[in-house]
């Protein structure tokens, strides 16, 4: 191998934004037919680096919005490690990357198929992954809880600088605990406590107050 492929430090930059900065390209903007054609023209390492950079950029955003997607990041790193160790040649690695991109595209569309917004999906996933096996009825109940929790928090709990005072943090924590207390009986008290902690931490890290959040910036 001439060089190792890495998972960080390389991104594809697209057109210039009005403020003069380069914007990141998302996966839907890539012409994969053209990419394959360039790959066939002995520009293989360059095209792999471009594709890897696009995947890395997309994964960074996807995990920021939904931390349960970290498994995709780990899978991506494993693919790179295997390639660097000589377990796959350029052609095999390129095809694996293309297949992985399709998986990511399906994940990006999962919220639509579940009938949830991106932020509702994040709460739903935190409650249901990785160990919970639910019936369709129970899944529906959890989806409603995720929607109603976010509505309650946005309506009056996520005030400006809510993370800076104990009283406002406590109000958000109580709202999370009260709403998750409505989870189906399959959620034991131990699991309920774990989910409350996970959801509260997610809210703390993702919502800044007064409508500002990682989702507003997405």
N, C-alpha and C. Protein backbone atom coordinates (compact mmCIF):
# COMPACT_ATOMS: atom_id res chain seq x y z
N UNK A 1 0.83 -1.19 0.00
CA UNK A 1 0.00 0.00 0.00
C UNK A 1 0.88 1.25 0.00
N UNK A 2 0.54 2.24 -0.82
CA UNK A 2 1.29 3.50 -0.84
C UNK A 2 1.02 4.30 0.43
N UNK A 3 -0.26 4.38 0.80
CA UNK A 3 -0.66 5.13 1.99
C UNK A 3 -1.83 4.43 2.65
N UNK A 4 -1.98 4.67 3.93
CA UNK A 4 -3.15 4.16 4.62
C UNK A 4 -4.32 5.12 4.45
N UNK A 5 -5.54 4.56 4.45
CA UNK A 5 -6.75 5.36 4.44
C UNK A 5 -7.13 5.64 5.89
N UNK A 6 -7.55 6.85 6.18
CA UNK A 6 -7.96 7.19 7.53
C UNK A 6 -9.42 7.57 7.56
N UNK A 7 -10.00 7.59 8.75
CA UNK A 7 -11.42 7.93 8.89
C UNK A 7 -11.62 9.40 9.20
N UNK A 8 -10.55 10.13 9.44
CA UNK A 8 -10.69 11.53 9.80
C UNK A 8 -9.72 12.37 8.97
N UNK A 9 -9.95 13.67 9.01
CA UNK A 9 -9.01 14.59 8.41
C UNK A 9 -9.20 14.83 6.93
N UNK A 10 -10.26 14.33 6.34
CA UNK A 10 -10.50 14.54 4.91
C UNK A 10 -11.99 14.70 4.70
N UNK A 11 -12.38 15.79 4.07
CA UNK A 11 -13.78 16.00 3.73
C UNK A 11 -13.88 16.51 2.32
N UNK A 12 -15.01 16.24 1.68
CA UNK A 12 -15.27 16.78 0.36
C UNK A 12 -15.93 18.13 0.53
N UNK A 13 -15.41 19.13 -0.13
CA UNK A 13 -16.00 20.45 -0.05
C UNK A 13 -16.75 20.76 -1.32
N UNK A 14 -17.92 21.35 -1.16
CA UNK A 14 -18.75 21.65 -2.31
C UNK A 14 -18.66 23.11 -2.71
N UNK A 15 -19.77 23.69 -3.10
CA UNK A 15 -19.79 25.06 -3.56
C UNK A 15 -19.61 26.03 -2.40
N UNK A 16 -19.37 27.29 -2.73
CA UNK A 16 -19.13 28.30 -1.71
C UNK A 16 -20.44 28.88 -1.21
N UNK A 17 -20.57 29.05 0.09
CA UNK A 17 -21.77 29.63 0.70
C UNK A 17 -21.69 31.15 0.59
N UNK A 18 -22.80 31.87 0.84
CA UNK A 18 -22.80 33.32 0.73
C UNK A 18 -21.75 34.01 1.60
N UNK A 19 -21.37 33.41 2.73
CA UNK A 19 -20.37 34.03 3.59
C UNK A 19 -18.95 33.66 3.22
N UNK A 20 -18.80 32.98 2.07
CA UNK A 20 -17.48 32.68 1.56
C UNK A 20 -16.87 31.38 2.02
N UNK A 21 -17.60 30.62 2.85
CA UNK A 21 -17.10 29.35 3.34
C UNK A 21 -17.52 28.21 2.42
N UNK A 22 -16.73 27.13 2.46
CA UNK A 22 -17.08 25.95 1.69
C UNK A 22 -18.09 25.11 2.47
N UNK A 23 -19.09 24.61 1.78
CA UNK A 23 -20.07 23.77 2.48
C UNK A 23 -19.80 22.31 2.21
N UNK A 24 -20.12 21.46 3.17
CA UNK A 24 -19.90 20.03 3.03
C UNK A 24 -20.94 19.42 2.09
N UNK A 25 -20.51 18.46 1.28
CA UNK A 25 -21.42 17.77 0.38
C UNK A 25 -22.09 16.63 1.13
N UNK A 26 -23.40 16.48 0.95
CA UNK A 26 -24.05 15.32 1.56
C UNK A 26 -24.11 14.20 0.53
N UNK A 27 -24.50 13.02 1.00
CA UNK A 27 -24.44 11.84 0.14
C UNK A 27 -25.35 11.94 -1.06
N UNK A 28 -26.46 12.66 -0.93
CA UNK A 28 -27.41 12.75 -2.03
C UNK A 28 -26.87 13.58 -3.19
N UNK A 29 -25.78 14.33 -2.96
CA UNK A 29 -25.24 15.19 -4.00
C UNK A 29 -24.16 14.50 -4.83
N UNK A 30 -23.83 13.28 -4.49
CA UNK A 30 -22.76 12.58 -5.19
C UNK A 30 -23.31 11.84 -6.41
N UNK A 31 -22.66 12.01 -7.54
CA UNK A 31 -23.00 11.29 -8.76
C UNK A 31 -22.20 10.00 -8.78
N UNK A 32 -22.84 8.90 -8.35
CA UNK A 32 -22.11 7.65 -8.19
C UNK A 32 -21.76 7.01 -9.54
N UNK A 33 -22.53 7.29 -10.56
CA UNK A 33 -22.18 6.78 -11.88
C UNK A 33 -20.89 7.41 -12.35
N UNK A 34 -20.79 8.73 -12.18
CA UNK A 34 -19.57 9.43 -12.57
C UNK A 34 -18.39 8.98 -11.70
N UNK A 35 -18.66 8.74 -10.43
CA UNK A 35 -17.62 8.29 -9.52
C UNK A 35 -17.05 6.95 -9.96
N UNK A 36 -17.93 6.03 -10.36
CA UNK A 36 -17.48 4.73 -10.84
C UNK A 36 -16.67 4.86 -12.12
N UNK A 37 -17.08 5.77 -12.99
CA UNK A 37 -16.36 5.98 -14.24
C UNK A 37 -14.95 6.50 -13.97
N UNK A 38 -14.84 7.42 -13.04
CA UNK A 38 -13.52 7.94 -12.68
C UNK A 38 -12.67 6.86 -12.02
N UNK A 39 -13.32 6.02 -11.22
CA UNK A 39 -12.60 4.93 -10.56
C UNK A 39 -12.00 3.98 -11.60
N UNK A 40 -12.74 3.77 -12.69
CA UNK A 40 -12.29 2.86 -13.75
C UNK A 40 -11.14 3.45 -14.55
N UNK A 41 -10.88 4.74 -14.41
CA UNK A 41 -9.82 5.41 -15.18
C UNK A 41 -8.50 5.47 -14.40
N UNK A 42 -8.28 4.49 -13.57
CA UNK A 42 -7.05 4.41 -12.80
C UNK A 42 -6.86 5.56 -11.81
N UNK A 43 -7.96 6.25 -11.50
CA UNK A 43 -7.91 7.28 -10.46
C UNK A 43 -8.47 6.70 -9.16
N UNK A 44 -8.15 5.46 -8.91
CA UNK A 44 -8.84 4.70 -7.89
C UNK A 44 -8.61 5.25 -6.48
N UNK A 45 -7.38 5.49 -6.12
CA UNK A 45 -7.12 5.96 -4.75
C UNK A 45 -7.75 7.33 -4.53
N UNK A 46 -7.69 8.21 -5.53
CA UNK A 46 -8.28 9.54 -5.41
C UNK A 46 -9.79 9.45 -5.21
N UNK A 47 -10.45 8.59 -6.02
CA UNK A 47 -11.91 8.48 -5.92
C UNK A 47 -12.33 7.82 -4.61
N UNK A 48 -11.53 6.88 -4.13
CA UNK A 48 -11.82 6.27 -2.83
C UNK A 48 -11.71 7.32 -1.73
N UNK A 49 -10.69 8.18 -1.81
CA UNK A 49 -10.54 9.23 -0.81
C UNK A 49 -11.71 10.20 -0.84
N UNK A 50 -12.18 10.54 -2.04
CA UNK A 50 -13.35 11.42 -2.15
C UNK A 50 -14.58 10.79 -1.52
N UNK A 51 -14.80 9.52 -1.85
CA UNK A 51 -15.97 8.83 -1.32
C UNK A 51 -15.87 8.67 0.19
N UNK A 52 -14.68 8.31 0.65
CA UNK A 52 -14.49 8.16 2.09
C UNK A 52 -14.71 9.48 2.82
N UNK A 53 -14.26 10.56 2.21
CA UNK A 53 -14.47 11.87 2.82
C UNK A 53 -15.94 12.23 2.90
N UNK A 54 -16.70 11.93 1.85
CA UNK A 54 -18.13 12.21 1.85
C UNK A 54 -18.84 11.40 2.92
N UNK A 55 -18.47 10.13 3.05
CA UNK A 55 -19.07 9.27 4.06
C UNK A 55 -18.76 9.80 5.46
N UNK A 56 -17.52 10.17 5.67
CA UNK A 56 -17.11 10.69 6.98
C UNK A 56 -17.89 11.95 7.34
N UNK A 57 -18.08 12.83 6.36
CA UNK A 57 -18.84 14.06 6.58
C UNK A 57 -20.30 13.75 6.93
N UNK A 58 -20.90 12.83 6.17
CA UNK A 58 -22.29 12.47 6.41
C UNK A 58 -22.46 11.81 7.78
N UNK A 59 -21.53 10.92 8.14
CA UNK A 59 -21.62 10.23 9.42
C UNK A 59 -21.49 11.21 10.58
N UNK A 60 -20.63 12.19 10.45
CA UNK A 60 -20.46 13.19 11.50
C UNK A 60 -21.79 13.87 11.81
N UNK A 61 -22.50 14.25 10.76
CA UNK A 61 -23.80 14.90 10.95
C UNK A 61 -24.83 13.92 11.49
N UNK A 62 -24.88 12.71 10.94
CA UNK A 62 -25.88 11.74 11.36
C UNK A 62 -25.74 11.37 12.84
N UNK A 63 -24.51 11.19 13.29
CA UNK A 63 -24.29 10.82 14.69
C UNK A 63 -24.56 12.01 15.61
N UNK A 64 -24.28 13.22 15.14
CA UNK A 64 -24.57 14.40 15.95
C UNK A 64 -26.07 14.52 16.21
N UNK A 65 -26.88 14.15 15.22
CA UNK A 65 -28.33 14.24 15.37
C UNK A 65 -28.93 13.05 16.10
N UNK A 66 -28.25 11.92 16.05
CA UNK A 66 -28.80 10.70 16.66
C UNK A 66 -27.64 9.81 17.09
N UNK A 67 -27.31 9.83 18.37
CA UNK A 67 -26.12 9.14 18.86
C UNK A 67 -26.23 7.62 18.79
N UNK A 68 -27.43 7.08 18.60
CA UNK A 68 -27.54 5.63 18.48
C UNK A 68 -26.95 5.16 17.15
N UNK A 69 -26.63 6.08 16.26
CA UNK A 69 -26.02 5.73 14.98
C UNK A 69 -24.52 5.51 15.07
N UNK A 70 -23.98 5.57 16.26
CA UNK A 70 -22.54 5.41 16.41
C UNK A 70 -22.07 4.06 15.89
N UNK A 71 -22.97 3.06 15.83
CA UNK A 71 -22.60 1.76 15.28
C UNK A 71 -22.16 1.88 13.82
N UNK A 72 -22.77 2.79 13.08
CA UNK A 72 -22.36 3.00 11.69
C UNK A 72 -20.94 3.55 11.64
N UNK A 73 -20.61 4.43 12.55
CA UNK A 73 -19.27 4.99 12.61
C UNK A 73 -18.25 3.91 12.92
N UNK A 74 -18.60 3.03 13.84
CA UNK A 74 -17.71 1.93 14.19
C UNK A 74 -17.53 0.96 13.02
N UNK A 75 -18.61 0.69 12.31
CA UNK A 75 -18.53 -0.19 11.15
C UNK A 75 -17.64 0.41 10.07
N UNK A 76 -17.77 1.71 9.87
CA UNK A 76 -16.95 2.41 8.88
C UNK A 76 -15.47 2.32 9.24
N UNK A 77 -15.15 2.54 10.51
CA UNK A 77 -13.77 2.45 10.95
C UNK A 77 -13.22 1.04 10.77
N UNK A 78 -14.04 0.03 11.05
CA UNK A 78 -13.61 -1.36 10.87
C UNK A 78 -13.31 -1.65 9.41
N UNK A 79 -14.13 -1.11 8.49
CA UNK A 79 -13.88 -1.29 7.06
C UNK A 79 -12.53 -0.70 6.67
N UNK A 80 -12.25 0.48 7.18
CA UNK A 80 -10.99 1.16 6.88
C UNK A 80 -9.81 0.38 7.46
N UNK A 81 -9.96 -0.08 8.69
CA UNK A 81 -8.89 -0.85 9.33
C UNK A 81 -8.59 -2.13 8.56
N UNK A 82 -9.64 -2.82 8.12
CA UNK A 82 -9.46 -4.06 7.36
C UNK A 82 -8.74 -3.79 6.04
N UNK A 83 -9.11 -2.68 5.39
CA UNK A 83 -8.45 -2.32 4.13
C UNK A 83 -6.97 -2.01 4.38
N UNK A 84 -6.68 -1.23 5.41
CA UNK A 84 -5.30 -0.86 5.71
C UNK A 84 -4.45 -2.06 6.08
N UNK A 85 -5.09 -3.11 6.61
CA UNK A 85 -4.38 -4.33 6.97
C UNK A 85 -4.24 -5.29 5.80
N UNK A 86 -4.75 -4.88 4.63
CA UNK A 86 -4.59 -5.69 3.44
C UNK A 86 -5.65 -6.75 3.23
N UNK A 87 -6.77 -6.66 3.98
CA UNK A 87 -7.82 -7.67 3.86
C UNK A 87 -8.67 -7.47 2.61
N UNK A 88 -8.56 -6.32 1.95
CA UNK A 88 -9.34 -6.06 0.73
C UNK A 88 -8.51 -5.21 -0.21
N UNK A 89 -8.68 -5.44 -1.52
CA UNK A 89 -7.98 -4.61 -2.49
C UNK A 89 -8.80 -3.36 -2.79
N UNK A 90 -8.29 -2.51 -3.67
CA UNK A 90 -8.97 -1.24 -3.96
C UNK A 90 -10.38 -1.44 -4.50
N UNK A 91 -10.53 -2.40 -5.43
CA UNK A 91 -11.85 -2.63 -6.04
C UNK A 91 -12.86 -3.11 -5.00
N UNK A 92 -12.44 -4.04 -4.16
CA UNK A 92 -13.33 -4.58 -3.13
C UNK A 92 -13.71 -3.49 -2.12
N UNK A 93 -12.75 -2.70 -1.74
CA UNK A 93 -13.00 -1.64 -0.77
C UNK A 93 -13.95 -0.59 -1.35
N UNK A 94 -13.76 -0.25 -2.60
CA UNK A 94 -14.63 0.72 -3.28
C UNK A 94 -16.07 0.21 -3.30
N UNK A 95 -16.28 -1.04 -3.63
CA UNK A 95 -17.63 -1.61 -3.68
C UNK A 95 -18.25 -1.66 -2.29
N UNK A 96 -17.44 -1.95 -1.28
CA UNK A 96 -17.95 -1.97 0.09
C UNK A 96 -18.38 -0.57 0.53
N UNK A 97 -17.62 0.43 0.11
CA UNK A 97 -17.99 1.80 0.44
C UNK A 97 -19.30 2.18 -0.22
N UNK A 98 -19.49 1.80 -1.49
CA UNK A 98 -20.74 2.10 -2.19
C UNK A 98 -21.93 1.43 -1.50
N UNK A 99 -21.75 0.18 -1.09
CA UNK A 99 -22.81 -0.53 -0.39
C UNK A 99 -23.12 0.14 0.95
N UNK A 100 -22.08 0.60 1.62
CA UNK A 100 -22.26 1.26 2.90
C UNK A 100 -23.02 2.58 2.74
N UNK A 101 -22.73 3.29 1.65
CA UNK A 101 -23.45 4.54 1.38
C UNK A 101 -24.95 4.26 1.24
N UNK A 102 -25.31 3.17 0.58
CA UNK A 102 -26.73 2.82 0.44
C UNK A 102 -27.36 2.56 1.81
N UNK A 103 -26.60 1.93 2.71
CA UNK A 103 -27.11 1.70 4.07
C UNK A 103 -27.36 3.03 4.77
N UNK A 104 -26.45 3.97 4.60
CA UNK A 104 -26.60 5.28 5.23
C UNK A 104 -27.79 6.03 4.66
N UNK A 105 -27.99 5.92 3.37
CA UNK A 105 -29.14 6.58 2.75
C UNK A 105 -30.45 6.03 3.30
N UNK A 106 -30.50 4.72 3.49
CA UNK A 106 -31.70 4.12 4.06
C UNK A 106 -31.92 4.60 5.49
N UNK A 107 -30.84 4.73 6.24
CA UNK A 107 -30.94 5.22 7.61
C UNK A 107 -31.43 6.66 7.63
N UNK A 108 -30.96 7.47 6.69
CA UNK A 108 -31.39 8.86 6.63
C UNK A 108 -32.88 8.98 6.35
N UNK A 109 -33.45 7.97 5.67
CA UNK A 109 -34.87 8.00 5.33
C UNK A 109 -35.74 7.28 6.35
N UNK A 110 -35.13 6.69 7.37
CA UNK A 110 -35.89 5.84 8.30
C UNK A 110 -36.94 6.62 9.08
N UNK A 111 -36.63 7.87 9.41
CA UNK A 111 -37.59 8.67 10.14
C UNK A 111 -38.89 8.83 9.40
N UNK A 112 -38.80 9.01 8.09
CA UNK A 112 -40.00 9.16 7.26
C UNK A 112 -40.82 7.88 7.31
N UNK A 113 -40.17 6.74 7.17
CA UNK A 113 -40.90 5.47 7.18
C UNK A 113 -41.50 5.18 8.55
N UNK A 114 -40.89 5.71 9.62
CA UNK A 114 -41.41 5.51 10.97
C UNK A 114 -42.46 6.56 11.33
N UNK A 115 -42.63 7.56 10.47
CA UNK A 115 -43.59 8.62 10.75
C UNK A 115 -43.09 9.58 11.81
N UNK A 116 -41.77 9.76 11.89
CA UNK A 116 -41.16 10.62 12.91
C UNK A 116 -40.23 11.64 12.28
N UNK A 117 -40.12 12.79 12.92
CA UNK A 117 -39.12 13.76 12.50
C UNK A 117 -37.75 13.28 12.95
N UNK A 118 -36.71 13.93 12.49
CA UNK A 118 -35.35 13.52 12.86
C UNK A 118 -35.14 13.59 14.37
N UNK A 119 -35.65 14.62 15.01
CA UNK A 119 -35.44 14.73 16.45
C UNK A 119 -36.34 13.78 17.24
N UNK A 120 -37.54 13.50 16.73
CA UNK A 120 -38.40 12.51 17.38
C UNK A 120 -37.78 11.12 17.26
N UNK A 121 -37.19 10.85 16.11
CA UNK A 121 -36.54 9.55 15.89
C UNK A 121 -35.39 9.35 16.87
N UNK A 122 -34.64 10.40 17.14
CA UNK A 122 -33.52 10.29 18.06
C UNK A 122 -33.99 9.87 19.45
N UNK A 123 -35.07 10.47 19.93
CA UNK A 123 -35.62 10.11 21.25
C UNK A 123 -36.18 8.69 21.21
N UNK A 124 -36.91 8.36 20.15
CA UNK A 124 -37.46 7.01 19.99
C UNK A 124 -36.35 5.96 20.02
N UNK A 125 -35.26 6.22 19.31
CA UNK A 125 -34.15 5.26 19.27
C UNK A 125 -33.48 5.12 20.62
N UNK A 126 -33.31 6.22 21.33
CA UNK A 126 -32.70 6.14 22.65
C UNK A 126 -33.54 5.29 23.61
N UNK A 127 -34.85 5.36 23.44
CA UNK A 127 -35.74 4.58 24.31
C UNK A 127 -35.77 3.11 23.92
N UNK A 128 -35.68 2.82 22.64
CA UNK A 128 -35.90 1.44 22.18
C UNK A 128 -34.63 0.65 21.87
N UNK A 129 -33.51 1.31 21.71
CA UNK A 129 -32.28 0.59 21.35
C UNK A 129 -31.37 0.47 22.56
N UNK A 130 -30.55 -0.60 22.64
CA UNK A 130 -30.50 -1.69 21.67
C UNK A 130 -31.29 -2.93 22.08
N UNK A 131 -31.77 -2.95 23.32
CA UNK A 131 -32.24 -4.23 23.87
C UNK A 131 -33.74 -4.44 23.82
N UNK A 132 -34.52 -3.41 23.53
CA UNK A 132 -35.97 -3.53 23.65
C UNK A 132 -36.61 -4.17 22.42
N UNK A 133 -37.39 -5.21 22.64
CA UNK A 133 -38.18 -5.84 21.58
C UNK A 133 -39.65 -5.56 21.88
N UNK A 134 -40.26 -4.77 21.01
CA UNK A 134 -41.60 -4.30 21.27
C UNK A 134 -42.58 -4.78 20.22
N UNK A 135 -43.84 -4.88 20.61
CA UNK A 135 -44.90 -5.15 19.66
C UNK A 135 -45.18 -3.86 18.88
N UNK A 136 -45.95 -3.96 17.81
CA UNK A 136 -46.30 -2.78 17.03
C UNK A 136 -47.07 -1.76 17.89
N UNK A 137 -47.95 -2.30 18.75
CA UNK A 137 -48.70 -1.42 19.63
C UNK A 137 -47.78 -0.67 20.58
N UNK A 138 -46.82 -1.39 21.14
CA UNK A 138 -45.87 -0.77 22.07
C UNK A 138 -44.98 0.25 21.36
N UNK A 139 -44.57 -0.07 20.12
CA UNK A 139 -43.80 0.88 19.34
C UNK A 139 -44.59 2.17 19.13
N UNK A 140 -45.88 2.02 18.83
CA UNK A 140 -46.73 3.19 18.64
C UNK A 140 -46.81 4.03 19.90
N UNK A 141 -46.87 3.36 21.05
CA UNK A 141 -46.93 4.07 22.32
C UNK A 141 -45.64 4.87 22.55
N UNK A 142 -44.51 4.26 22.24
CA UNK A 142 -43.22 4.93 22.44
C UNK A 142 -43.09 6.12 21.48
N UNK A 143 -43.56 5.97 20.26
CA UNK A 143 -43.52 7.09 19.31
C UNK A 143 -44.34 8.27 19.83
N UNK A 144 -45.50 7.98 20.35
CA UNK A 144 -46.34 9.05 20.91
C UNK A 144 -45.65 9.73 22.08
N UNK A 145 -45.01 8.94 22.92
CA UNK A 145 -44.30 9.49 24.08
C UNK A 145 -43.15 10.39 23.62
N UNK A 146 -42.42 9.97 22.59
CA UNK A 146 -41.31 10.79 22.07
C UNK A 146 -41.82 12.12 21.54
N UNK A 147 -42.92 12.07 20.78
CA UNK A 147 -43.50 13.31 20.23
C UNK A 147 -43.98 14.23 21.35
N UNK A 148 -44.74 13.67 22.29
CA UNK A 148 -45.33 14.47 23.36
C UNK A 148 -44.27 15.05 24.29
N UNK A 149 -43.20 14.29 24.52
CA UNK A 149 -42.13 14.79 25.38
C UNK A 149 -41.49 16.03 24.75
N UNK A 150 -41.16 15.96 23.47
CA UNK A 150 -40.53 17.10 22.82
C UNK A 150 -41.48 18.30 22.77
N UNK A 151 -42.76 18.04 22.55
CA UNK A 151 -43.74 19.13 22.56
C UNK A 151 -43.79 19.81 23.92
N UNK A 152 -43.80 19.01 24.98
CA UNK A 152 -43.85 19.55 26.34
C UNK A 152 -42.60 20.38 26.64
N UNK A 153 -41.45 19.85 26.29
CA UNK A 153 -40.20 20.55 26.57
C UNK A 153 -40.10 21.86 25.80
N UNK A 154 -40.48 21.84 24.54
CA UNK A 154 -40.38 23.05 23.72
C UNK A 154 -41.40 24.11 24.13
N UNK A 155 -42.51 23.65 24.65
CA UNK A 155 -43.59 24.57 25.01
C UNK A 155 -43.23 25.45 26.20
N UNK A 156 -42.41 24.97 27.12
CA UNK A 156 -42.16 25.82 28.27
C UNK A 156 -40.94 25.47 29.12
N UNK A 157 -40.24 24.38 28.77
CA UNK A 157 -39.13 23.95 29.62
C UNK A 157 -37.75 24.37 29.08
N UNK A 158 -37.62 24.38 27.77
CA UNK A 158 -36.31 24.68 27.18
C UNK A 158 -36.17 26.19 26.97
N UNK A 159 -36.13 26.89 28.08
CA UNK A 159 -36.03 28.35 28.05
C UNK A 159 -34.58 28.75 27.77
N UNK A 160 -34.37 30.03 27.60
CA UNK A 160 -33.03 30.55 27.34
C UNK A 160 -32.08 30.18 28.48
N UNK A 161 -30.94 29.59 28.10
CA UNK A 161 -29.91 29.21 29.07
C UNK A 161 -30.43 28.25 30.14
N UNK A 162 -31.34 27.36 29.79
CA UNK A 162 -31.92 26.46 30.77
C UNK A 162 -30.89 25.54 31.40
N UNK A 163 -29.80 25.30 30.72
CA UNK A 163 -28.79 24.38 31.24
C UNK A 163 -27.93 24.99 32.34
N UNK A 164 -28.05 26.32 32.55
CA UNK A 164 -27.17 27.01 33.47
C UNK A 164 -27.68 27.07 34.91
N UNK A 165 -28.95 26.79 35.12
CA UNK A 165 -29.48 26.87 36.49
C UNK A 165 -30.06 25.53 36.92
N UNK A 166 -29.93 25.25 38.20
CA UNK A 166 -30.40 23.97 38.74
C UNK A 166 -31.91 23.83 38.61
N UNK A 167 -32.64 24.91 38.80
CA UNK A 167 -34.11 24.83 38.76
C UNK A 167 -34.61 24.47 37.36
N UNK A 168 -34.05 25.08 36.33
CA UNK A 168 -34.51 24.78 34.97
C UNK A 168 -34.05 23.40 34.52
N UNK A 169 -32.86 23.01 34.94
CA UNK A 169 -32.41 21.65 34.62
C UNK A 169 -33.32 20.62 35.29
N UNK A 170 -33.68 20.87 36.54
CA UNK A 170 -34.55 19.96 37.28
C UNK A 170 -35.92 19.88 36.63
N UNK A 171 -36.43 20.99 36.13
CA UNK A 171 -37.74 21.00 35.48
C UNK A 171 -37.74 20.13 34.23
N UNK A 172 -36.65 20.19 33.47
CA UNK A 172 -36.52 19.36 32.27
C UNK A 172 -36.41 17.89 32.67
N UNK A 173 -35.62 17.62 33.68
CA UNK A 173 -35.45 16.24 34.15
C UNK A 173 -36.78 15.65 34.61
N UNK A 174 -37.56 16.41 35.36
CA UNK A 174 -38.86 15.93 35.83
C UNK A 174 -39.80 15.68 34.65
N UNK A 175 -39.77 16.56 33.66
CA UNK A 175 -40.62 16.37 32.48
C UNK A 175 -40.26 15.08 31.75
N UNK A 176 -38.98 14.80 31.65
CA UNK A 176 -38.53 13.56 31.00
C UNK A 176 -39.01 12.36 31.80
N UNK A 177 -38.82 12.39 33.11
CA UNK A 177 -39.20 11.26 33.96
C UNK A 177 -40.71 11.04 33.95
N UNK A 178 -41.47 12.13 34.00
CA UNK A 178 -42.93 12.01 34.01
C UNK A 178 -43.44 11.38 32.71
N UNK A 179 -42.92 11.83 31.59
CA UNK A 179 -43.40 11.31 30.30
C UNK A 179 -42.95 9.87 30.08
N UNK A 180 -41.72 9.55 30.43
CA UNK A 180 -41.24 8.18 30.25
C UNK A 180 -41.88 7.21 31.24
N UNK A 181 -42.49 7.74 32.28
CA UNK A 181 -43.21 6.88 33.22
C UNK A 181 -44.44 6.26 32.56
N UNK A 182 -44.79 6.76 31.38
CA UNK A 182 -45.92 6.23 30.62
C UNK A 182 -45.51 5.10 29.67
N UNK A 183 -44.24 4.72 29.70
CA UNK A 183 -43.76 3.65 28.81
C UNK A 183 -44.48 2.34 29.11
N UNK A 184 -44.58 1.45 28.11
CA UNK A 184 -45.23 0.15 28.32
C UNK A 184 -44.58 -0.65 29.45
N UNK A 185 -45.29 -1.60 29.98
CA UNK A 185 -44.83 -2.37 31.14
C UNK A 185 -43.57 -3.17 30.87
N UNK A 186 -43.26 -3.42 29.60
CA UNK A 186 -42.05 -4.17 29.27
C UNK A 186 -40.80 -3.44 29.74
N UNK A 187 -40.92 -2.13 29.97
CA UNK A 187 -39.81 -1.35 30.50
C UNK A 187 -39.80 -1.47 32.03
N UNK A 188 -38.86 -2.23 32.54
CA UNK A 188 -38.75 -2.40 33.99
C UNK A 188 -38.28 -1.08 34.62
N UNK A 189 -38.33 -0.99 35.94
CA UNK A 189 -37.89 0.23 36.60
C UNK A 189 -36.42 0.49 36.34
N UNK A 190 -35.63 -0.56 36.27
CA UNK A 190 -34.20 -0.39 36.00
C UNK A 190 -33.99 0.18 34.59
N UNK A 191 -34.70 -0.40 33.63
CA UNK A 191 -34.58 0.09 32.25
C UNK A 191 -35.14 1.51 32.14
N UNK A 192 -36.23 1.76 32.83
CA UNK A 192 -36.83 3.10 32.84
C UNK A 192 -35.81 4.14 33.31
N UNK A 193 -35.10 3.82 34.37
CA UNK A 193 -34.09 4.75 34.90
C UNK A 193 -32.99 4.99 33.88
N UNK A 194 -32.55 3.91 33.22
CA UNK A 194 -31.51 4.03 32.20
C UNK A 194 -31.97 4.93 31.06
N UNK A 195 -33.22 4.73 30.64
CA UNK A 195 -33.75 5.51 29.52
C UNK A 195 -33.92 6.98 29.91
N UNK A 196 -34.35 7.23 31.13
CA UNK A 196 -34.48 8.61 31.60
C UNK A 196 -33.12 9.32 31.54
N UNK A 197 -32.09 8.62 32.01
CA UNK A 197 -30.75 9.20 32.00
C UNK A 197 -30.29 9.49 30.57
N UNK A 198 -30.51 8.53 29.67
CA UNK A 198 -30.06 8.68 28.29
C UNK A 198 -30.80 9.81 27.58
N UNK A 199 -32.11 9.87 27.77
CA UNK A 199 -32.90 10.91 27.10
C UNK A 199 -32.57 12.28 27.66
N UNK A 200 -32.45 12.39 28.98
CA UNK A 200 -32.10 13.69 29.57
C UNK A 200 -30.74 14.16 29.06
N UNK A 201 -29.76 13.26 29.01
CA UNK A 201 -28.42 13.63 28.54
C UNK A 201 -28.49 14.10 27.09
N UNK A 202 -29.29 13.43 26.30
CA UNK A 202 -29.48 13.83 24.89
C UNK A 202 -30.07 15.22 24.81
N UNK A 203 -31.09 15.48 25.60
CA UNK A 203 -31.72 16.80 25.60
C UNK A 203 -30.71 17.86 26.04
N UNK A 204 -29.96 17.57 27.06
CA UNK A 204 -28.97 18.52 27.59
C UNK A 204 -27.92 18.87 26.53
N UNK A 205 -27.47 17.88 25.80
CA UNK A 205 -26.41 18.09 24.81
C UNK A 205 -26.93 18.69 23.51
N UNK A 206 -28.21 18.48 23.19
CA UNK A 206 -28.71 18.83 21.86
C UNK A 206 -29.58 20.07 21.81
N UNK A 207 -30.13 20.51 22.94
CA UNK A 207 -31.06 21.63 22.94
C UNK A 207 -30.52 22.75 23.83
N UNK A 208 -30.40 23.94 23.25
CA UNK A 208 -29.76 25.04 23.96
C UNK A 208 -30.75 26.04 24.53
N UNK A 209 -32.02 25.93 24.12
CA UNK A 209 -33.04 26.85 24.62
C UNK A 209 -33.47 27.87 23.59
N UNK A 210 -34.71 28.37 23.74
CA UNK A 210 -35.25 29.39 22.84
C UNK A 210 -35.20 28.95 21.38
N UNK A 211 -35.51 27.68 21.13
CA UNK A 211 -35.55 27.16 19.77
C UNK A 211 -34.22 26.79 19.17
N UNK A 212 -33.14 26.98 19.89
CA UNK A 212 -31.82 26.66 19.37
C UNK A 212 -31.46 25.21 19.72
N UNK A 213 -30.99 24.47 18.72
CA UNK A 213 -30.62 23.06 18.93
C UNK A 213 -29.77 22.59 17.77
N UNK A 214 -29.24 21.38 17.89
CA UNK A 214 -28.46 20.80 16.78
C UNK A 214 -29.35 20.57 15.57
N UNK A 215 -30.65 20.44 15.80
CA UNK A 215 -31.59 20.19 14.70
C UNK A 215 -31.91 21.48 13.94
N UNK A 216 -31.96 22.57 14.66
CA UNK A 216 -32.20 23.86 14.01
C UNK A 216 -31.04 24.24 13.11
N UNK A 217 -29.85 23.75 13.47
CA UNK A 217 -28.66 24.08 12.69
C UNK A 217 -28.38 23.05 11.59
N UNK A 218 -29.16 21.93 11.58
CA UNK A 218 -28.88 20.84 10.64
C UNK A 218 -29.25 21.24 9.22
